[in-house]
Amino acid sequence: MREKKFRETEHIAETIKQLAVPGMKPKALIDAVKEKHPKATKKDIARAAFLTVIMSAEYDPEDTQALHDLASGTRDSDPEGE
């Protein structure tokens, strides 16, 4: 079960990497990700965003900061994870 969840998180992370651009508002990215992953919760998207930050930190610091802001904002905005 844990591996399946991680694969889903990786898949969402790849979507985030494709869709995210510097300056994009968290709500806009969440909406775009939900179009491709309708069952994903905000918590799932935040986890995937943090995974994307970790994976990209070494290669693209500007995008990494934008993704970090998204992940932090998403996590802080909805305590229930929906």
Protein backbone atom coordinates (compact mmCIF):
# COMPACT_ATOMS: atom_id res chain seq x y z
CA MET A 1 0.00 0.00 0.00
CA ARG A 2 2.79 2.40 0.90
CA GLU A 3 4.55 1.84 -2.43
CA LYS A 4 1.32 2.43 -4.35
CA LYS A 5 0.82 5.75 -2.54
CA PHE A 6 4.41 6.74 -3.28
CA ARG A 7 3.95 5.95 -6.99
CA GLU A 8 0.81 8.10 -7.02
CA THR A 9 2.74 10.91 -5.32
CA GLU A 10 5.52 10.59 -7.91
CA HIS A 11 2.97 10.75 -10.72
CA ILE A 12 1.40 13.91 -9.26
CA ALA A 13 4.91 15.35 -8.75
CA GLU A 14 5.66 14.87 -12.45
CA THR A 15 2.45 16.70 -13.31
CA ILE A 16 3.39 19.55 -10.97
CA LYS A 17 6.82 19.79 -12.56
CA GLN A 18 5.20 20.10 -16.00
CA LEU A 19 2.59 22.66 -14.96
CA ALA A 20 4.35 24.86 -12.39
CA VAL A 21 5.84 28.18 -13.45
CA PRO A 22 7.43 30.88 -11.30
CA GLY A 23 4.84 33.30 -9.97
CA MET A 24 1.95 30.86 -10.36
CA LYS A 25 -0.59 31.10 -7.54
CA PRO A 26 -1.02 27.92 -5.48
CA LYS A 27 -4.77 27.80 -6.21
CA ALA A 28 -4.14 27.93 -9.97
CA LEU A 29 -1.65 25.07 -9.80
CA ILE A 30 -3.87 23.01 -7.53
CA ASP A 31 -6.77 23.46 -9.94
CA ALA A 32 -4.57 22.47 -12.90
CA VAL A 33 -3.26 19.39 -11.08
CA LYS A 34 -6.79 18.39 -10.03
CA GLU A 35 -7.85 18.44 -13.69
CA LYS A 36 -5.30 15.69 -14.36
CA HIS A 37 -5.69 13.94 -10.99
CA PRO A 38 -9.31 14.45 -9.92
CA LYS A 39 -9.03 12.15 -6.89
CA ALA A 40 -5.98 13.95 -5.48
CA THR A 41 -6.55 15.93 -2.29
CA LYS A 42 -4.75 19.17 -1.47
CA LYS A 43 -2.67 17.13 0.97
CA ASP A 44 -1.66 14.74 -1.84
CA ILE A 45 -0.73 17.69 -4.03
CA ALA A 46 1.27 19.34 -1.22
CA ARG A 47 3.20 16.11 -0.62
CA ALA A 48 3.92 15.82 -4.33
CA ALA A 49 5.02 19.46 -4.44
CA PHE A 50 7.49 18.85 -1.61
CA LEU A 51 8.77 15.77 -3.46
CA THR A 52 9.21 17.93 -6.55
CA VAL A 53 11.12 20.49 -4.48
CA ILE A 54 13.44 17.81 -3.18
CA MET A 55 14.03 16.36 -6.64
CA SER A 56 14.61 19.71 -8.34
CA ALA A 57 16.50 21.66 -5.66
CA GLU A 58 19.88 20.81 -7.11
CA TYR A 59 19.00 21.74 -10.69
CA ASP A 60 16.70 24.77 -10.69
CA PRO A 61 16.72 26.98 -7.58
CA GLU A 62 14.17 29.50 -8.95
CA ASP A 63 11.56 26.85 -9.70
CA THR A 64 12.41 25.15 -6.43
CA GLN A 65 11.51 28.30 -4.48
CA ALA A 66 8.20 28.62 -6.34
CA LEU A 67 7.37 24.98 -5.65
CA HIS A 68 8.35 25.34 -2.00
CA ASP A 69 6.04 28.34 -1.66
CA LEU A 70 3.23 26.32 -3.26
CA ALA A 71 3.78 23.32 -1.03
CA SER A 72 3.96 25.44 2.10
CA GLY A 73 0.94 27.52 1.16
CA THR A 74 -1.13 24.46 0.33
CA ARG A 75 -0.21 22.70 3.53
CA ASP A 76 -0.99 25.76 5.67
CA SER A 77 -4.24 26.70 3.91
CA ASP A 78 -6.29 23.58 4.60
CA PRO A 79 -5.85 21.68 7.87
CA GLU A 80 -8.17 18.88 6.76
CA GLY A 81 -6.18 18.06 3.62
CA GLU A 82 -9.10 18.43 1.23
